[in-house]
Protein backbone atom coordinates (compact mmCIF):
# COMPACT_ATOMS: atom_id res chain seq x y z
CA MET A 1 -18.46 20.98 -10.72
CA PRO A 2 -19.07 22.98 -13.80
CA LYS A 3 -17.57 21.57 -16.75
CA ALA A 4 -14.99 22.95 -19.43
CA THR A 5 -17.92 23.50 -21.84
CA GLU A 6 -19.02 26.54 -19.73
CA GLY A 7 -15.99 28.48 -20.91
CA PRO A 8 -13.13 29.94 -18.88
CA CYS A 9 -12.89 28.71 -15.45
CA ASN A 10 -13.76 30.92 -12.59
CA VAL A 11 -14.06 28.44 -9.79
CA PRO A 12 -11.60 28.69 -6.74
CA LYS A 13 -8.75 25.92 -7.03
CA PRO A 14 -9.42 22.82 -5.27
CA GLY A 15 -7.57 21.91 -2.15
CA VAL A 16 -4.19 20.15 -2.54
CA LEU A 17 -5.33 16.50 -1.83
CA ASP A 18 -8.59 16.78 -3.57
CA PHE A 19 -6.97 14.80 -6.44
CA ILE A 20 -9.77 14.12 -8.58
CA ASN A 21 -11.43 17.63 -8.39
CA LYS A 22 -7.98 19.28 -8.66
CA ALA A 23 -7.48 17.08 -12.02
CA LYS A 24 -10.68 18.49 -13.26
CA TRP A 25 -9.93 22.06 -12.19
CA ASP A 26 -6.54 21.85 -14.11
CA ALA A 27 -8.25 20.18 -17.09
CA TRP A 28 -11.02 22.60 -17.19
CA ASN A 29 -8.63 25.81 -16.68
CA ALA A 30 -6.66 24.42 -19.62
CA LEU A 31 -9.39 23.95 -21.92
CA GLY A 32 -11.69 26.92 -21.00
CA SER A 33 -10.22 28.93 -24.12
CA LEU A 34 -11.12 26.16 -26.44
CA PRO A 35 -13.90 26.05 -28.61
CA LYS A 36 -16.70 24.46 -26.45
CA GLU A 37 -17.34 21.15 -28.70
CA THR A 38 -13.56 20.78 -28.57
CA ALA A 39 -13.09 21.62 -24.95
CA ARG A 40 -16.17 19.16 -24.09
CA HIS A 41 -14.24 16.33 -25.76
CA ASN A 42 -10.88 16.85 -24.24
CA TYR A 43 -12.58 17.44 -20.66
CA VAL A 44 -14.33 14.13 -20.80
CA ASP A 45 -11.43 12.18 -21.98
CA LEU A 46 -9.28 13.26 -19.15
CA VAL A 47 -11.97 13.02 -16.34
CA SER A 48 -12.73 9.36 -17.62
CA SER A 49 -9.33 8.75 -17.68
CA LEU A 50 -9.03 9.45 -13.81
CA SER A 51 -11.29 6.28 -13.09
CA ALA A 52 -9.32 4.24 -15.64
CA SER A 53 -5.63 3.34 -14.93
CA SER A 54 -6.54 -0.52 -14.68
CA GLU A 55 -2.58 -1.02 -14.64
CA SER A 56 -2.04 1.61 -12.14
CA SER A 57 -0.59 1.02 -8.59
CA ILE A 58 -3.01 3.26 -7.21
CA GLN A 59 -6.67 1.86 -7.78
CA VAL A 60 -9.95 4.13 -8.31
CA THR A 61 -12.78 2.29 -6.87
CA PRO A 62 -16.46 3.30 -7.68
CA ALA A 63 -18.67 4.24 -4.63
CA ALA A 64 -20.83 1.37 -5.24
CA ASP A 65 -17.81 -1.37 -5.36
CA ARG A 66 -16.23 0.24 -2.17
CA LYS A 67 -16.29 -2.55 0.41
CA GLN A 68 -17.94 -1.80 3.67
CA PRO A 69 -17.02 -2.96 7.16
CA GLY A 70 -17.47 -6.51 7.75
CA SER A 71 -17.08 -7.25 4.13
CA ASP A 72 -15.36 -9.70 2.42
CA ALA A 73 -12.47 -7.49 1.43
CA LEU A 74 -10.44 -9.28 4.21
CA VAL A 75 -10.57 -12.91 4.86
CA VAL A 76 -9.24 -14.29 8.29
CA THR A 77 -8.78 -18.20 8.63
CA SER A 78 -7.27 -20.07 11.50
CA GLN A 79 -6.11 -23.69 10.82
CA ASP A 80 -3.29 -26.01 11.78
CA GLY A 81 -2.26 -23.58 14.19
CA ILE A 82 -1.69 -20.79 11.49
CA THR A 83 -4.14 -17.68 11.26
CA THR A 84 -4.03 -16.37 7.46
CA ILE A 85 -5.37 -12.86 6.81
CA THR A 86 -5.90 -12.81 3.05
CA LEU A 87 -6.31 -9.40 1.21
CA ASN A 88 -9.43 -10.48 -0.68
CA ARG A 89 -9.89 -7.74 -3.66
CA PRO A 90 -8.74 -9.62 -6.63
CA ASP A 91 -10.67 -7.36 -9.08
CA LYS A 92 -8.68 -4.47 -7.69
CA LYS A 93 -5.27 -5.91 -7.10
CA ASN A 94 -5.88 -6.08 -3.88
CA ALA A 95 -5.78 -2.35 -3.20
CA LEU A 96 -6.10 -1.08 0.24
CA THR A 97 -8.80 0.97 1.18
CA THR A 98 -8.91 3.04 4.38
CA GLN A 99 -11.49 0.46 6.03
CA MET A 100 -9.00 -2.31 5.00
CA TYR A 101 -6.32 -0.75 6.93
CA HIS A 102 -8.48 -0.74 10.07
CA ASP A 103 -9.83 -4.42 9.43
CA ILE A 104 -6.00 -5.33 9.08
CA MET A 105 -5.21 -4.05 12.46
CA LEU A 106 -8.24 -5.53 14.08
CA ALA A 107 -7.17 -9.11 12.37
CA LEU A 108 -3.47 -8.61 13.96
CA GLU A 109 -4.80 -7.85 17.42
CA ALA A 110 -6.94 -10.96 17.27
CA ALA A 111 -4.24 -12.96 15.84
CA SER A 112 -1.96 -12.01 18.51
CA LYS A 113 -4.22 -13.34 21.37
CA ASP A 114 -5.64 -16.58 19.69
CA ASP A 115 -4.05 -19.91 20.01
CA SER A 116 -2.34 -19.97 16.47
CA ALA A 117 1.45 -20.24 16.67
CA ILE A 118 2.21 -18.37 13.28
CA THR A 119 0.28 -15.65 11.42
CA VAL A 120 0.34 -15.24 7.53
CA LEU A 121 -0.54 -12.23 5.49
CA THR A 122 -1.18 -13.03 1.90
CA GLY A 123 -3.25 -11.93 -1.17
CA ASN A 124 -6.28 -13.51 -3.23
CA GLY A 125 -5.64 -13.43 -6.80
CA ASP A 126 -2.63 -12.40 -9.40
CA TYR A 127 -1.39 -9.88 -6.77
CA TYR A 128 -0.10 -9.44 -3.37
CA CYS A 129 -1.29 -5.85 -3.10
CA SER A 130 -1.15 -2.87 -5.29
CA GLY A 131 -0.69 -0.68 -2.52
CA ASN A 132 -3.22 2.25 -1.96
CA ASP A 133 -6.58 2.58 -3.27
CA LEU A 134 -7.36 6.10 -4.76
CA THR A 135 -10.24 6.42 -2.75
CA ASN A 136 -7.97 7.03 0.26
CA PHE A 137 -6.95 10.54 -0.93
CA THR A 138 -10.10 11.47 -2.50
CA ASP A 139 -12.58 11.39 0.47
CA ILE A 140 -11.92 14.53 2.03
CA PRO A 141 -13.62 14.97 5.39
CA PRO A 142 -15.41 18.09 6.63
CA GLY A 143 -12.38 19.39 8.19
CA GLY A 144 -10.65 19.79 4.83
CA VAL A 145 -7.38 18.42 3.47
CA GLU A 146 -5.29 19.35 6.61
CA GLU A 147 -7.65 17.12 8.59
CA LYS A 148 -7.42 14.39 5.74
CA ALA A 149 -3.50 14.32 6.08
CA ARG A 150 -3.60 14.63 9.83
CA SER A 151 -5.89 11.45 10.51
CA GLY A 152 -4.07 9.63 7.29
CA ALA A 153 -0.94 9.94 9.03
CA VAL A 154 -2.36 8.64 12.35
CA LEU A 155 -3.70 5.76 10.60
CA LEU A 156 -0.57 4.78 9.09
CA ARG A 157 1.39 5.27 12.12
CA ASP A 158 -1.01 3.02 14.19
CA PHE A 159 -0.95 0.30 11.24
CA VAL A 160 2.82 -0.06 10.82
CA ASP A 161 2.79 -0.06 14.88
CA ARG A 162 0.54 -3.26 14.83
CA PHE A 163 3.26 -4.88 12.60
CA ILE A 164 6.38 -3.74 14.74
CA ASP A 165 4.63 -4.87 18.00
CA PHE A 166 3.46 -8.08 16.71
CA PRO A 167 4.36 -11.00 19.05
CA LYS A 168 4.17 -13.93 16.98
CA PRO A 169 6.22 -15.00 13.65
CA LEU A 170 5.10 -12.96 11.17
CA VAL A 171 5.00 -14.45 7.53
CA ALA A 172 4.45 -12.88 4.25
CA VAL A 173 3.29 -15.31 1.41
CA VAL A 174 3.82 -12.84 -1.61
CA ASN A 175 1.70 -14.61 -4.15
CA GLY A 176 2.11 -11.67 -7.02
CA PRO A 177 3.37 -8.34 -7.47
CA ALA A 178 3.74 -6.09 -4.55
CA VAL A 179 3.54 -2.45 -4.57
CA GLY A 180 4.01 0.51 -1.99
CA ILE A 181 3.03 0.04 1.81
CA SER A 182 2.75 -3.87 1.04
CA VAL A 183 6.49 -3.61 0.19
CA THR A 184 7.74 -1.31 2.77
CA ILE A 185 6.29 -3.23 5.82
CA LEU A 186 8.23 -6.50 4.61
CA GLY A 187 11.08 -5.38 6.85
CA LEU A 188 9.13 -5.98 9.90
CA PHE A 189 8.08 -9.47 8.95
CA ASP A 190 9.96 -12.70 10.06
CA ILE A 191 9.77 -14.48 6.81
CA VAL A 192 8.98 -13.27 3.68
CA TYR A 193 8.23 -16.09 1.00
CA ALA A 194 7.62 -14.97 -2.74
CA THR A 195 6.55 -16.78 -6.01
CA ASP A 196 9.16 -16.20 -8.73
CA ARG A 197 6.19 -14.25 -10.40
CA ALA A 198 6.16 -11.51 -7.85
CA THR A 199 7.74 -8.06 -8.05
CA PHE A 200 8.57 -5.61 -5.26
CA HIS A 201 7.83 -1.84 -6.16
CA THR A 202 7.97 1.25 -4.29
CA PRO A 203 7.33 4.36 -6.53
CA PHE A 204 7.39 6.95 -3.71
CA SER A 205 9.14 9.57 -5.77
CA HIS A 206 7.21 9.30 -8.84
CA LEU A 207 4.00 10.16 -6.66
CA GLY A 208 5.83 12.92 -4.71
CA GLN A 209 5.88 11.28 -1.50
CA SER A 210 8.54 9.58 0.75
CA PRO A 211 9.00 6.14 2.37
CA GLU A 212 6.85 4.73 5.00
CA GLY A 213 6.80 1.14 7.07
CA CYS A 214 10.06 2.06 8.76
CA SER A 215 11.63 1.06 5.08
CA SER A 216 13.91 4.26 5.77
CA TYR A 217 15.50 1.96 8.39
CA THR A 218 14.93 -1.40 7.62
CA PHE A 219 15.79 -1.34 3.87
CA PRO A 220 19.16 0.12 4.13
CA LYS A 221 20.08 -2.35 6.92
CA ILE A 222 18.69 -5.20 4.99
CA MET A 223 20.00 -4.68 1.56
CA GLY A 224 22.52 -1.72 2.16
CA PRO A 225 22.15 2.07 1.41
CA SER A 226 22.62 2.02 -2.18
CA LYS A 227 20.50 -0.56 -3.08
CA ALA A 228 17.81 0.86 -0.32
CA THR A 229 18.21 4.05 -2.42
CA GLU A 230 17.67 2.60 -5.88
CA MET A 231 14.05 1.32 -4.62
CA LEU A 232 12.92 3.91 -2.25
CA VAL A 233 14.14 7.07 -4.01
CA PHE A 234 14.55 5.94 -7.47
CA GLY A 235 11.85 3.55 -7.49
CA LYS A 236 13.60 0.56 -9.06
CA LYS A 237 11.41 -2.40 -9.29
CA LEU A 238 12.94 -5.82 -8.00
CA THR A 239 12.25 -9.10 -9.16
CA ALA A 240 11.40 -11.78 -6.75
CA ARG A 241 14.84 -13.22 -7.28
CA GLU A 242 16.63 -9.63 -6.84
CA ALA A 243 14.72 -9.09 -3.67
CA CYS A 244 15.94 -12.58 -2.22
CA THR A 245 19.44 -11.74 -3.23
CA GLN A 246 19.11 -8.52 -1.61
CA GLY A 247 17.90 -9.84 1.67
CA LEU A 248 14.40 -8.33 1.72
CA VAL A 249 12.66 -11.90 0.44
CA THR A 250 13.51 -15.10 2.38
CA GLU A 251 12.91 -17.74 -0.56
CA VAL A 252 11.40 -17.75 -3.89
CA PHE A 253 9.40 -20.82 -5.11
CA PRO A 254 8.28 -21.63 -8.82
CA ASP A 255 4.80 -20.25 -9.08
CA SER A 256 3.61 -23.53 -10.33
CA THR A 257 4.24 -24.99 -6.78
CA PHE A 258 4.29 -21.98 -4.68
CA GLN A 259 1.49 -22.28 -2.54
CA LYS A 260 1.84 -26.25 -2.11
CA GLU A 261 5.65 -25.81 -0.78
CA VAL A 262 4.99 -22.72 1.21
CA TRP A 263 2.10 -24.08 2.96
CA VAL A 264 3.49 -27.81 3.53
CA ARG A 265 6.72 -25.65 5.09
CA LEU A 266 4.31 -23.43 7.33
CA LYS A 267 2.30 -26.46 8.75
CA ALA A 268 5.43 -27.87 9.87
CA TYR A 269 6.80 -24.56 11.56
CA SER A 270 3.35 -24.25 13.09
CA LYS A 271 3.98 -27.41 15.13
CA LEU A 272 6.85 -26.22 16.96
CA PRO A 273 6.31 -25.11 20.52
CA PRO A 274 4.79 -21.63 20.10
CA ASN A 275 5.75 -19.99 23.54
CA ALA A 276 9.51 -21.07 22.41
CA MET A 277 9.12 -19.30 19.35
CA ARG A 278 7.34 -16.14 20.54
CA ILE A 279 10.26 -15.85 22.86
CA SER A 280 12.86 -16.17 20.18
CA LYS A 281 11.17 -13.42 18.29
CA GLN A 282 11.40 -11.25 21.30
CA VAL A 283 15.10 -11.79 21.81
CA ILE A 284 15.44 -11.10 18.35
CA ARG A 285 13.23 -7.92 17.66
CA ASN A 286 12.92 -6.44 21.02
CA THR A 287 16.20 -4.44 21.24
CA GLU A 288 15.04 -2.39 18.15
CA LYS A 289 11.19 -1.66 19.06
CA GLU A 290 11.61 1.50 20.50
CA LYS A 291 13.82 2.69 17.41
CA LEU A 292 11.24 1.41 15.11
CA HIS A 293 8.41 3.21 16.61
CA ALA A 294 10.33 6.63 16.70
CA ILE A 295 11.11 6.01 12.94
CA ASN A 296 7.51 5.22 12.11
CA ALA A 297 6.30 8.31 13.99
CA GLU A 298 9.00 10.46 11.79
CA GLU A 299 8.19 8.73 8.66
CA SER A 300 4.34 9.25 9.19
CA ASN A 301 4.74 13.04 10.10
CA ILE A 302 7.02 13.64 6.99
CA LEU A 303 4.34 11.90 4.76
CA ARG A 304 1.77 14.19 6.21
CA GLU A 305 3.85 17.17 4.87
CA ARG A 306 4.28 15.50 1.40
CA TRP A 307 0.50 15.05 1.18
CA LEU A 308 -0.10 18.94 1.59
CA SER A 309 2.51 19.53 -1.03
CA ASP A 310 1.94 20.91 -4.33
CA GLU A 311 4.39 18.55 -5.85
CA CYS A 312 2.88 15.60 -4.29
CA MET A 313 -0.66 16.66 -5.90
CA ASN A 314 1.11 17.35 -9.26
CA ALA A 315 2.75 14.08 -9.56
CA VAL A 316 -0.28 12.19 -8.79
CA VAL A 317 -2.29 13.92 -11.19
CA SER A 318 0.54 13.43 -13.97
CA PHE A 319 0.74 9.97 -12.84
CA LEU A 320 -2.81 9.12 -13.65
CA SER A 321 -2.81 11.26 -16.82
CA LYS A 322 0.12 9.13 -18.13
CA LYS A 323 -1.72 6.11 -17.23
CA ALA A 324 -4.66 7.09 -19.05
CA LYS A 325 -2.88 7.70 -22.26
CA LEU A 326 -1.30 4.31 -22.34
């Protein structure tokens, strides 16, 4: 794409979901009337900022760093009757790429059929999961942004459906801060253990988006409508203690003993009769499965529309620009 050094912007405005090029276009358009040298510096600063934002809940991953299928972005182990699915991008705060969505679904499918009694989802490093990797939004297919939004909504729906249908006890071992989709699906887990260092953040409105993971239903049910609204609409970040008090987290442990205490407990649970646990979960969960699938489908459709909105686009670009100035 031509740069702001070339004078006024004559290139057509990029598509709504093409966040990076849209931000570049806006920058160029705004800078086009400036002296060329000033415009060049300002433009380079802003475009560089789009791949900075190290504290952002949305991570920009250079193409060379993107995990390929079969890579180590996800590690699955089975031991002591427990299958553990570990998000393994600690340098990216375990931000989820599109490939990782597919890999997690495959891992859940395999875990549902293996001989383990319990399945655990956790993260490697300081973060549990920082939400979506920005590349999920910027890799635009030949079908354009409408096709990107459609396929993204289908992937999200299928991903959440796997959690709704998972037949065994499903445990989240939240080893650090959690953002976005990693928070909203917690209502579909059977147990959520968290270190006292964890936080829980769903900044949907800040990004022009709306809730997913069935959280529009599970969160009000778990914590009451007003507390759920504070999180899902206003983006209030909860501490682990607050999340526990409100029922989203089962128990909080001191960070220094978190791993030891949690795994000792889970290993004891994994020795319980596995069929009894599956049947008990079925009794508890089955009455709401149909409703959860319907809610998931609706949330995914609404998000597809959100992703195609100028409001969402502008919110994300604004978010990235603000982070870059910090």
